[in-house]
Amino acid sequence: MVPRNRFFFLLAVAAVLAILSLSLQFLHLIPTPPVREDRQNVKSRKRIMPVPHTEPPVIDPVYEAYAYCNIPNNTERGMEGHSPPDYKLLSVQVMIRHGDRYPLYAIPKTKKPAIDCTLVPSRKPSHPQLAAFLSHMSKGSKGRMDNVLSGLPRFPSHSVCEMGELTQTGVVQHLRNGQLLRDTYIKKHTLLPDSWTSKHLYIESTGKSRTLQSGLALLYSLLPEFDWQKIYIRHQWSSIFCSSSCDCPMRNHYLEEEQRRQYSLRVKNSLLEQTYVDMAKIVGVPTRLLRASNPIDSLLCHFCHNISFPCTQKGCIGLEHFNVIKSHQLGDEKERHETKVYYRYSLLATHPILNQTVTRMQRIAEGRSEEVFALFSAHDVTVAPLLAALGLSEARFPRFAARIVFELWRAPKDKKSLFVRVLYNGEDVTFQTSFCQKHSRRSSQPLCPFQNFMNFVKKDMFAIFNSTNYYDACHRRAF
């Protein structure tokens, strides 16, 4: 081919490729990087890592950490309240983990993360109802609560966060949760009548300010400007919400066995141990002291709030240290589900609250109760075993402000036909639960029969222990 013809040929090929590329981008077949709408509000400081926009094909500790942080955004939606036409929603029960908090532990000889725990509506992240929430909480002296809770602050207020204190991010997370639930349950399904009273609600919280405040934030955006005289918040002394059914020796046995498994996995991880050694040298303390301070708790706070990791004259704790510890956590969660020790613990730990859930559903269906909305404000150690007991082994570890929702539905033509839905962070996971995996959503009954759930709680939970009831499973030694 002569040079002149070759030139025109290459020019034609280039033009065709350019047109093809533009066409593909127009049709969104080639991904383009997302454009931030609020460029003027972007902070000048450098992020620890760029925010990942899509889930990686393999487990990535940085992506999982961002998912755990649960940074509030305006695009999140949920599948709560979805059902076939004409089905009636009878009740909703919600278990939440508290929102974002300040660390419970401090890395020795390092500066604590500088976070302001006062609520400032003009500071991000914020929420349209934050100012009104703050004003309403200041009037909460008329609120009715158990004595343990009445002495706790109703909103975070320290300019320098105290250990374990709920942050503004945590408040906003649950204002968002409450808003999502309001749009579905109050506006769409009218779950609560306009003249609702205290008999329509059941609310429990552990005795920590972060759980009480998280519950109040969700409740406020669910029922804006609620009448303080119409609510009563009960104190739950147990972090697993076992109430008066906490005597269970075998549950404690399986928990101790699980803790031994965790220890064994940790001591076998030479990379993790070397990471602790390196971090201990940076901060200038013995390795055992550094390890005992549970550094991932503090590092996650730095990570979630985009604060640089701690530095000393000997160097800085870096993302490489964070990645090793977080990767070990993820590996631990995977092994936990494979060994089944934690599963056995979870069944015994959560039976009391699940039994209470089923009983409340039965009473409402029979017209013997009007508690159509129940809220339990809890911790990761409450939500995690609940997920495991339900058979949701693929579920992520509870993020800040995680929520599990149980919905009770009635079929349109048969009042005795009751159905249940289970949702985790807005995703319908009903057909992933152990009690409804075998039920086809394409059958004549597109929802999971309530009877399946009741059978699971009343008897199937105990089959693995060769028992038929909770007391026997708790006291029969299986070894």
Protein backbone atom coordinates (compact mmCIF):
# COMPACT_ATOMS: atom_id res chain seq x y z
CA MET A 1 0.00 0.00 0.00
CA VAL A 2 1.48 3.35 -0.99
CA PRO A 3 2.09 5.85 1.80
CA ARG A 4 -0.70 8.20 0.66
CA ASN A 5 -3.32 5.42 0.62
CA ARG A 6 -2.05 4.09 3.97
CA PHE A 7 -2.51 7.54 5.50
CA PHE A 8 -6.13 7.83 4.35
CA PHE A 9 -6.84 4.26 5.51
CA LEU A 10 -5.53 4.94 9.02
CA LEU A 11 -7.43 8.24 9.13
CA ALA A 12 -10.67 6.45 8.24
CA VAL A 13 -10.09 3.75 10.89
CA ALA A 14 -9.43 6.41 13.56
CA ALA A 15 -12.66 8.23 12.66
CA VAL A 16 -14.68 5.02 12.89
CA LEU A 17 -13.18 4.16 16.32
CA ALA A 18 -13.88 7.67 17.64
CA ILE A 19 -17.53 7.51 16.55
CA LEU A 20 -17.89 4.04 18.06
CA SER A 21 -16.40 5.16 21.41
CA LEU A 22 -18.72 8.16 21.65
CA SER A 23 -21.71 5.98 20.81
CA LEU A 24 -20.85 3.45 23.51
CA GLN A 25 -20.43 6.17 26.13
CA PHE A 26 -23.74 7.70 25.09
CA LEU A 27 -25.39 4.30 25.56
CA HIS A 28 -23.59 3.89 28.94
CA LEU A 29 -21.80 0.74 27.80
CA ILE A 30 -18.46 2.23 28.84
CA PRO A 31 -18.42 3.30 32.50
CA THR A 32 -17.41 6.88 33.16
CA PRO A 33 -16.17 8.14 36.52
CA PRO A 34 -18.90 9.65 38.71
CA VAL A 35 -18.98 13.43 38.97
CA ARG A 36 -19.50 14.99 42.37
CA GLU A 37 -22.30 17.52 42.47
CA ASP A 38 -21.01 19.43 45.49
CA ARG A 39 -17.52 20.33 44.32
CA GLN A 40 -17.59 23.58 46.24
CA ASN A 41 -18.00 21.63 49.49
CA VAL A 42 -15.20 19.14 48.89
CA LYS A 43 -12.68 19.34 51.73
CA SER A 44 -9.14 20.18 50.77
CA ARG A 45 -7.53 17.60 53.02
CA LYS A 46 -6.38 14.38 51.39
CA ARG A 47 -8.53 11.31 51.88
CA ILE A 48 -7.04 8.19 53.41
CA MET A 49 -8.27 6.33 50.34
CA PRO A 50 -10.58 7.30 47.48
CA VAL A 51 -14.18 6.25 48.04
CA PRO A 52 -14.93 3.05 46.07
CA HIS A 53 -18.09 3.38 43.97
CA THR A 54 -18.59 -0.26 42.96
CA GLU A 55 -18.26 -3.50 44.89
CA PRO A 56 -14.98 -5.27 44.06
CA PRO A 57 -15.07 -8.83 42.62
CA VAL A 58 -13.17 -10.18 45.65
CA ILE A 59 -13.36 -9.23 49.32
CA ASP A 60 -11.48 -5.98 49.80
CA PRO A 61 -10.79 -4.70 53.34
CA VAL A 62 -11.04 -1.04 52.33
CA TYR A 63 -14.39 -1.52 50.60
CA GLU A 64 -15.70 -3.52 53.57
CA ALA A 65 -14.55 -0.77 55.93
CA TYR A 66 -16.50 1.85 53.98
CA ALA A 67 -19.57 -0.39 54.07
CA TYR A 68 -19.13 -0.66 57.84
CA CYS A 69 -18.88 3.12 58.23
CA ASN A 70 -22.27 3.55 56.51
CA ILE A 71 -21.62 7.16 55.54
CA PRO A 72 -25.05 8.82 55.12
CA ASN A 73 -26.18 9.47 51.55
CA ASN A 74 -29.39 10.60 49.91
CA THR A 75 -29.68 7.72 47.45
CA GLU A 76 -30.31 4.83 49.82
CA ARG A 77 -33.67 3.16 49.48
CA GLY A 78 -35.15 0.08 51.08
CA MET A 79 -37.52 -2.76 50.21
CA GLU A 80 -39.51 -2.39 53.42
CA GLY A 81 -43.27 -2.47 52.96
CA HIS A 82 -43.28 -4.24 49.58
CA SER A 83 -45.91 -6.94 49.11
CA PRO A 84 -48.36 -8.38 46.57
CA PRO A 85 -51.46 -6.23 45.95
CA ASP A 86 -54.13 -6.03 48.67
CA TYR A 87 -52.04 -7.70 51.39
CA LYS A 88 -52.44 -5.90 54.70
CA LEU A 89 -49.49 -4.95 56.88
CA LEU A 90 -50.30 -5.88 60.50
CA SER A 91 -47.11 -5.13 62.42
CA VAL A 92 -43.45 -4.12 62.16
CA GLN A 93 -40.65 -4.95 64.60
CA VAL A 94 -37.25 -3.31 64.15
CA MET A 95 -33.91 -4.16 65.73
CA ILE A 96 -31.21 -1.52 65.20
CA ARG A 97 -27.55 -1.17 65.99
CA HIS A 98 -26.63 2.25 67.36
CA GLY A 99 -25.14 4.77 64.94
CA ASP A 100 -21.55 5.89 64.45
CA ARG A 101 -19.74 6.32 67.77
CA TYR A 102 -16.46 7.49 69.18
CA PRO A 103 -14.00 4.62 69.93
CA LEU A 104 -14.35 2.53 73.05
CA TYR A 105 -10.56 2.04 73.16
CA ALA A 106 -7.57 4.32 72.65
CA ILE A 107 -4.24 3.39 71.07
CA PRO A 108 -1.63 4.00 73.80
CA LYS A 109 0.58 7.09 73.53
CA THR A 110 -1.23 8.50 70.50
CA LYS A 111 -3.47 11.48 70.03
CA LYS A 112 -7.16 10.60 70.12
CA PRO A 113 -9.18 11.48 67.02
CA ALA A 114 -10.45 15.06 67.27
CA ILE A 115 -14.20 14.75 66.76
CA ASP A 116 -16.85 17.20 67.95
CA CYS A 117 -19.92 15.38 69.29
CA THR A 118 -22.16 18.43 69.52
CA LEU A 119 -24.99 18.59 66.99
CA VAL A 120 -24.53 21.38 64.45
CA PRO A 121 -27.08 21.33 61.58
CA SER A 122 -24.78 23.36 59.32
CA ARG A 123 -21.98 20.78 59.66
CA LYS A 124 -21.86 17.74 57.40
CA PRO A 125 -23.18 15.13 57.48
CA SER A 126 -26.52 16.70 58.32
CA HIS A 127 -30.22 16.07 57.90
CA PRO A 128 -33.19 18.39 57.26
CA GLN A 129 -34.70 17.38 60.59
CA LEU A 130 -31.54 17.66 62.69
CA ALA A 131 -32.30 21.12 64.10
CA ALA A 132 -35.89 20.14 64.91
CA PHE A 133 -34.68 16.90 66.52
CA LEU A 134 -32.28 18.84 68.73
CA SER A 135 -35.06 21.21 69.77
CA HIS A 136 -37.48 18.39 70.51
CA MET A 137 -34.94 16.44 72.58
CA SER A 138 -34.39 19.52 74.75
CA LYS A 139 -38.05 19.21 75.78
CA GLY A 140 -37.71 15.55 76.67
CA SER A 141 -37.87 16.00 80.43
CA LYS A 142 -41.53 14.99 80.16
CA GLY A 143 -40.59 11.73 78.49
CA ARG A 144 -41.41 8.47 80.26
CA MET A 145 -38.57 5.97 80.59
CA ASP A 146 -37.30 3.39 83.03
CA ASN A 147 -35.09 4.94 85.71
CA VAL A 148 -31.82 3.71 84.21
CA LEU A 149 -32.59 5.52 80.95
CA SER A 150 -34.08 8.70 82.39
CA GLY A 151 -30.67 9.71 83.74
CA LEU A 152 -29.00 9.50 80.31
CA PRO A 153 -28.66 12.46 77.91
CA ARG A 154 -31.12 12.40 75.02
CA PHE A 155 -28.58 13.71 72.50
CA PRO A 156 -24.76 13.90 72.30
CA SER A 157 -23.41 17.25 73.46
CA HIS A 158 -19.65 17.15 74.14
CA SER A 159 -17.38 19.33 72.03
CA VAL A 160 -14.73 16.67 72.54
CA CYS A 161 -16.34 13.26 72.21
CA GLU A 162 -16.29 10.95 75.18
CA MET A 163 -15.44 7.26 74.77
CA GLY A 164 -18.28 5.44 73.03
CA GLU A 165 -20.35 8.59 72.53
CA LEU A 166 -22.72 8.82 69.58
CA THR A 167 -21.48 11.29 66.95
CA GLN A 168 -23.47 13.62 64.73
CA THR A 169 -22.96 11.08 61.95
CA GLY A 170 -24.64 8.47 64.16
CA VAL A 171 -27.64 10.71 64.79
CA VAL A 172 -27.99 11.47 61.08
CA GLN A 173 -27.79 7.77 60.20
CA HIS A 174 -30.84 7.03 62.32
CA LEU A 175 -32.73 10.13 61.22
CA ARG A 176 -32.28 8.66 57.73
CA ASN A 177 -33.48 5.23 58.93
CA GLY A 178 -36.57 6.73 60.53
CA GLN A 179 -37.34 8.78 57.43
CA LEU A 180 -37.16 5.69 55.21
CA LEU A 181 -39.45 3.75 57.54
CA ARG A 182 -41.87 6.68 57.81
CA ASP A 183 -42.21 6.97 54.03
CA THR A 184 -43.18 3.30 53.87
CA TYR A 185 -45.00 2.40 57.05
CA ILE A 186 -46.69 5.67 58.03
CA LYS A 187 -47.32 7.43 54.73
CA LYS A 188 -47.91 4.43 52.47
CA HIS A 189 -49.37 1.77 54.76
CA THR A 190 -50.77 3.94 57.59
CA LEU A 191 -49.46 1.43 60.12
CA LEU A 192 -50.16 3.86 62.96
CA PRO A 193 -53.44 5.80 63.13
CA ASP A 194 -53.31 9.59 63.42
CA SER A 195 -54.58 9.20 66.98
CA TRP A 196 -51.88 6.69 67.97
CA THR A 197 -51.12 6.25 71.67
CA SER A 198 -48.52 4.48 73.79
CA LYS A 199 -50.39 1.18 73.37
CA HIS A 200 -49.42 1.15 69.67
CA LEU A 201 -45.66 1.32 70.37
CA TYR A 202 -43.16 -0.87 72.17
CA ILE A 203 -39.66 0.55 72.64
CA GLU A 204 -36.61 -0.95 74.37
CA SER A 205 -33.02 0.22 74.67
CA THR A 206 -29.93 -0.96 76.49
CA GLY A 207 -28.55 1.32 79.17
CA LYS A 208 -26.02 3.12 76.96
CA SER A 209 -26.54 6.69 75.85
CA ARG A 210 -25.62 5.79 72.25
CA THR A 211 -28.46 3.25 71.99
CA LEU A 212 -31.02 5.50 73.67
CA GLN A 213 -30.07 8.45 71.44
CA SER A 214 -30.08 6.28 68.30
CA GLY A 215 -33.56 5.02 69.13
CA LEU A 216 -34.82 8.54 69.77
CA ALA A 217 -33.37 9.78 66.47
CA LEU A 218 -35.13 7.03 64.52
CA LEU A 219 -38.35 7.55 66.47
CA TYR A 220 -38.30 11.30 65.84
CA SER A 221 -38.04 11.04 62.05
CA LEU A 222 -40.60 8.20 62.08
CA LEU A 223 -43.04 10.28 64.13
CA PRO A 224 -41.92 13.94 63.91
CA GLU A 225 -42.71 16.09 66.95
CA PHE A 226 -44.14 13.07 68.79
CA ASP A 227 -45.89 13.68 72.08
CA TRP A 228 -43.46 12.72 74.85
CA GLN A 229 -46.40 11.55 76.98
CA LYS A 230 -47.34 8.97 74.35
CA ILE A 231 -44.13 6.97 74.49
CA TYR A 232 -42.54 4.79 77.15
CA ILE A 233 -39.00 3.50 76.71
CA ARG A 234 -38.07 0.35 78.61
CA HIS A 235 -34.57 -0.53 79.74
CA GLN A 236 -33.09 -3.82 78.54
CA TRP A 237 -30.27 -4.82 80.84
CA SER A 238 -28.96 -7.60 78.57
CA SER A 239 -27.06 -6.84 75.36
CA ILE A 240 -28.65 -9.94 73.77
CA PHE A 241 -32.14 -8.90 74.93
CA CYS A 242 -32.80 -12.14 76.77
CA SER A 243 -34.89 -10.33 79.42
CA SER A 244 -36.00 -12.88 82.05
CA SER A 245 -34.75 -15.90 80.06
CA CYS A 246 -31.01 -15.38 80.37
CA ASP A 247 -30.15 -18.47 82.41
CA CYS A 248 -28.54 -20.64 79.75
CA PRO A 249 -25.29 -22.45 80.69
CA MET A 250 -24.82 -24.00 77.24
CA ARG A 251 -25.01 -20.59 75.60
CA ASN A 252 -22.11 -19.48 77.78
CA HIS A 253 -20.25 -22.68 76.92
CA TYR A 254 -20.53 -22.07 73.17
CA LEU A 255 -19.47 -18.45 73.64
CA GLU A 256 -16.32 -19.55 75.47
CA GLU A 257 -15.64 -22.09 72.73
CA GLU A 258 -16.06 -19.37 70.11
CA GLN A 259 -13.63 -17.13 71.96
CA ARG A 260 -11.06 -19.94 72.00
CA ARG A 261 -11.52 -20.35 68.25
CA GLN A 262 -10.90 -16.62 67.74
CA TYR A 263 -7.73 -16.77 69.85
CA SER A 264 -6.43 -19.81 67.97
CA LEU A 265 -6.97 -18.11 64.61
CA ARG A 266 -5.22 -14.96 65.80
CA VAL A 267 -2.09 -16.68 67.10
CA LYS A 268 -1.75 -18.63 63.83
CA ASN A 269 -1.75 -15.42 61.79
CA SER A 270 1.95 -14.51 61.64
CA LEU A 271 1.32 -11.48 59.41
CA LEU A 272 -1.14 -10.09 61.94
CA GLU A 273 1.31 -10.62 64.80
CA GLN A 274 4.12 -8.91 62.87
CA THR A 275 1.77 -6.01 62.16
CA TYR A 276 1.08 -5.62 65.87
CA VAL A 277 4.85 -5.73 66.53
CA ASP A 278 5.46 -2.99 63.95
CA MET A 279 2.65 -0.82 65.32
CA ALA A 280 3.89 -1.30 68.89
CA LYS A 281 7.34 -0.05 67.86
CA ILE A 282 5.79 3.04 66.27
CA VAL A 283 3.84 4.02 69.39
CA GLY A 284 6.51 2.82 71.81
CA VAL A 285 4.65 0.25 73.90
CA PRO A 286 4.92 -3.54 74.39
CA THR A 287 3.14 -5.55 71.73
CA ARG A 288 0.77 -7.16 74.25
CA LEU A 289 -0.35 -3.69 75.40
CA LEU A 290 -0.94 -2.55 71.82
CA ARG A 291 -2.91 -5.71 71.06
CA ALA A 292 -5.00 -5.36 74.22
CA SER A 293 -6.03 -1.84 73.18
CA ASN A 294 -8.00 -3.30 70.25
CA PRO A 295 -6.46 -0.82 67.77
CA ILE A 296 -8.93 -1.57 64.96
CA ASP A 297 -11.67 0.15 66.98
CA SER A 298 -9.78 3.44 67.02
CA LEU A 299 -8.46 3.05 63.46
CA LEU A 300 -11.98 2.54 62.12
CA CYS A 301 -12.98 5.84 63.71
CA HIS A 302 -10.09 7.59 61.94
CA PHE A 303 -11.05 5.83 58.71
CA CYS A 304 -14.79 6.61 58.86
CA HIS A 305 -14.17 10.27 59.70
CA ASN A 306 -11.36 10.70 57.17
CA ILE A 307 -8.79 11.54 59.84
CA SER A 308 -5.17 10.57 59.29
CA PHE A 309 -3.99 7.55 61.24
CA PRO A 310 -1.87 8.28 64.37
CA CYS A 311 1.79 9.27 64.04
CA THR A 312 4.70 9.49 66.47
CA GLN A 313 8.33 10.48 66.14
CA LYS A 314 9.06 6.90 65.17
CA GLY A 315 6.65 6.86 62.25
CA CYS A 316 2.98 6.55 61.35
CA ILE A 317 0.42 3.80 61.51
CA GLY A 318 -0.58 3.34 57.89
CA LEU A 319 -3.21 1.85 55.64
CA GLU A 320 -1.05 -1.27 55.28
CA HIS A 321 -1.43 -1.95 59.02
CA PHE A 322 -5.16 -1.26 58.83
CA ASN A 323 -5.58 -3.62 55.87
CA VAL A 324 -3.91 -6.52 57.66
CA ILE A 325 -6.08 -6.19 60.76
CA LYS A 326 -9.29 -5.67 58.78
CA SER A 327 -8.46 -8.64 56.53
CA HIS A 328 -8.01 -10.81 59.60
CA GLN A 329 -11.42 -9.66 60.86
CA LEU A 330 -13.02 -10.67 57.57
CA GLY A 331 -11.28 -14.05 57.66
CA ASP A 332 -12.45 -14.55 61.21
CA GLU A 333 -16.05 -13.88 60.20
CA LYS A 334 -15.78 -16.43 57.39
CA GLU A 335 -14.37 -19.14 59.67
CA ARG A 336 -16.96 -18.30 62.31
CA HIS A 337 -19.76 -19.30 59.93
CA GLU A 338 -17.94 -22.44 58.80
CA THR A 339 -17.26 -23.91 62.26
CA LYS A 340 -20.88 -23.60 63.49
CA VAL A 341 -19.83 -22.95 67.11
CA TYR A 342 -21.00 -19.35 66.82
CA TYR A 343 -24.20 -20.58 65.15
CA ARG A 344 -25.00 -22.73 68.18
CA TYR A 345 -24.27 -19.82 70.48
CA SER A 346 -26.47 -17.55 68.36
CA LEU A 347 -29.47 -19.89 68.44
CA LEU A 348 -29.47 -19.95 72.24
CA ALA A 349 -28.59 -16.26 72.58
CA THR A 350 -31.40 -15.01 70.35
CA HIS A 351 -34.22 -17.42 71.13
CA PRO A 352 -35.69 -15.13 73.83
CA ILE A 353 -35.98 -12.10 71.53
CA LEU A 354 -37.19 -14.21 68.57
CA ASN A 355 -39.77 -15.89 70.79
CA GLN A 356 -40.92 -12.46 71.91
CA THR A 357 -41.15 -11.41 68.24
CA VAL A 358 -43.31 -14.40 67.30
CA THR A 359 -45.52 -14.02 70.36
CA ARG A 360 -46.14 -10.34 69.60
CA MET A 361 -47.07 -11.24 66.01
CA GLN A 362 -49.51 -13.89 67.22
CA ARG A 363 -51.19 -11.50 69.65
CA ILE A 364 -51.60 -8.84 66.99
CA ALA A 365 -53.00 -11.30 64.44
CA GLU A 366 -55.52 -12.51 67.03
CA GLY A 367 -56.52 -8.97 67.97
CA ARG A 368 -55.17 -9.30 71.52
CA SER A 369 -52.58 -6.53 71.17
CA GLU A 370 -52.24 -3.18 69.44
CA GLU A 371 -48.42 -2.93 69.59
CA VAL A 372 -48.09 -2.58 65.82
CA PHE A 373 -44.62 -1.03 65.92
CA ALA A 374 -41.77 -2.27 68.13
CA LEU A 375 -38.25 -0.83 68.25
CA PHE A 376 -35.23 -2.40 69.93
CA SER A 377 -32.10 -0.21 70.08
CA ALA A 378 -29.06 -2.41 70.52
CA HIS A 379 -25.44 -3.22 69.63
CA ASP A 380 -23.43 -5.24 67.11
CA VAL A 381 -23.29 -8.09 69.65
CA THR A 382 -27.11 -8.14 69.49
CA VAL A 383 -27.58 -7.93 65.73
CA ALA A 384 -24.73 -10.28 64.68
CA PRO A 385 -26.06 -13.39 66.50
CA LEU A 386 -29.58 -12.59 65.31
CA LEU A 387 -28.36 -12.72 61.70
CA ALA A 388 -26.52 -15.98 62.36
CA ALA A 389 -29.49 -17.60 64.08
CA LEU A 390 -31.74 -16.75 61.12
CA GLY A 391 -29.28 -18.54 58.84
CA LEU A 392 -28.11 -15.37 57.06
CA SER A 393 -24.51 -16.50 56.75
CA GLU A 394 -23.81 -14.25 53.76
CA ALA A 395 -24.89 -11.09 55.58
CA ARG A 396 -22.22 -8.50 56.35
CA PHE A 397 -21.23 -7.84 59.95
CA PRO A 398 -23.62 -5.19 61.34
CA ARG A 399 -22.52 -1.74 60.21
CA PHE A 400 -23.22 1.41 62.18
CA ALA A 401 -27.01 2.00 62.24
CA ALA A 402 -27.75 -1.47 60.82
CA ARG A 403 -31.41 -2.51 60.94
CA ILE A 404 -33.28 -5.81 60.88
CA VAL A 405 -37.01 -5.56 60.21
CA PHE A 406 -39.71 -8.20 60.75
CA GLU A 407 -43.01 -7.54 58.97
CA LEU A 408 -46.27 -9.42 59.51
CA TRP A 409 -48.77 -9.52 56.62
CA ARG A 410 -52.28 -10.87 56.11
CA ALA A 411 -53.64 -12.22 52.81
CA PRO A 412 -56.58 -10.30 51.30
CA LYS A 413 -59.16 -13.11 51.17
CA ASP A 414 -58.23 -15.29 54.13
CA LYS A 415 -57.69 -13.63 57.49
CA LYS A 416 -55.96 -16.75 58.80
CA SER A 417 -53.29 -16.65 56.09
CA LEU A 418 -50.39 -14.82 57.70
CA PHE A 419 -46.98 -14.14 56.19
CA VAL A 420 -43.65 -12.76 57.35
CA ARG A 421 -40.91 -10.76 55.68
CA VAL A 422 -37.37 -10.24 57.03
CA LEU A 423 -35.24 -7.35 55.82
CA TYR A 424 -31.64 -6.43 56.59
CA ASN A 425 -30.54 -2.88 55.82
CA GLY A 426 -33.43 -2.54 53.40
CA GLU A 427 -32.76 -5.78 51.51
CA ASP A 428 -35.39 -8.51 51.53
CA VAL A 429 -33.56 -11.56 52.91
CA THR A 430 -36.63 -13.63 53.77
CA PHE A 431 -35.85 -16.40 51.31
CA GLN A 432 -32.27 -16.60 52.55
CA THR A 433 -33.37 -17.47 56.08
CA SER A 434 -33.13 -21.08 57.18
CA PHE A 435 -36.88 -21.28 57.81
CA CYS A 436 -37.90 -20.08 54.34
CA GLN A 437 -35.11 -21.14 51.98
CA LYS A 438 -37.16 -24.04 50.64
CA HIS A 439 -40.32 -21.98 50.09
CA SER A 440 -40.58 -20.79 46.51
CA ARG A 441 -41.49 -17.15 46.12
CA ARG A 442 -43.03 -18.15 42.76
CA SER A 443 -45.58 -20.42 44.43
CA SER A 444 -49.23 -19.56 44.99
CA GLN A 445 -48.03 -17.99 48.24
CA PRO A 446 -45.39 -15.44 47.16
CA LEU A 447 -44.57 -14.52 50.76
CA CYS A 448 -43.10 -16.72 53.49
CA PRO A 449 -45.81 -18.32 55.65
CA PHE A 450 -45.78 -17.10 59.23
CA GLN A 451 -46.18 -20.73 60.31
CA ASN A 452 -42.65 -21.41 58.99
CA PHE A 453 -41.24 -18.70 61.22
CA MET A 454 -43.23 -19.86 64.24
CA ASN A 455 -42.17 -23.50 63.79
CA PHE A 456 -38.54 -22.39 63.54
CA VAL A 457 -38.67 -20.41 66.78
CA LYS A 458 -40.82 -22.84 68.75
CA LYS A 459 -39.04 -26.10 67.87
CA ASP A 460 -36.69 -26.17 64.84
CA MET A 461 -34.08 -23.98 66.57
CA PHE A 462 -33.47 -26.76 69.09
CA ALA A 463 -32.99 -29.68 66.68
CA ILE A 464 -29.23 -29.13 66.47
CA PHE A 465 -29.07 -29.64 70.25
CA ASN A 466 -31.22 -32.82 70.16
CA SER A 467 -33.75 -30.91 72.24
CA THR A 468 -37.35 -29.81 71.86
CA ASN A 469 -37.39 -26.65 73.96
CA TYR A 470 -35.22 -23.76 75.11
CA TYR A 471 -34.74 -24.89 78.70
CA ASP A 472 -33.60 -28.37 77.71
CA ALA A 473 -31.23 -27.00 75.03
CA CYS A 474 -29.72 -24.62 77.57
CA HIS A 475 -29.10 -27.25 80.22
CA ARG A 476 -28.36 -30.44 78.29
CA ARG A 477 -24.62 -30.90 77.90
CA ALA A 478 -23.79 -31.93 74.34
CA PHE A 479 -20.21 -33.06 75.07
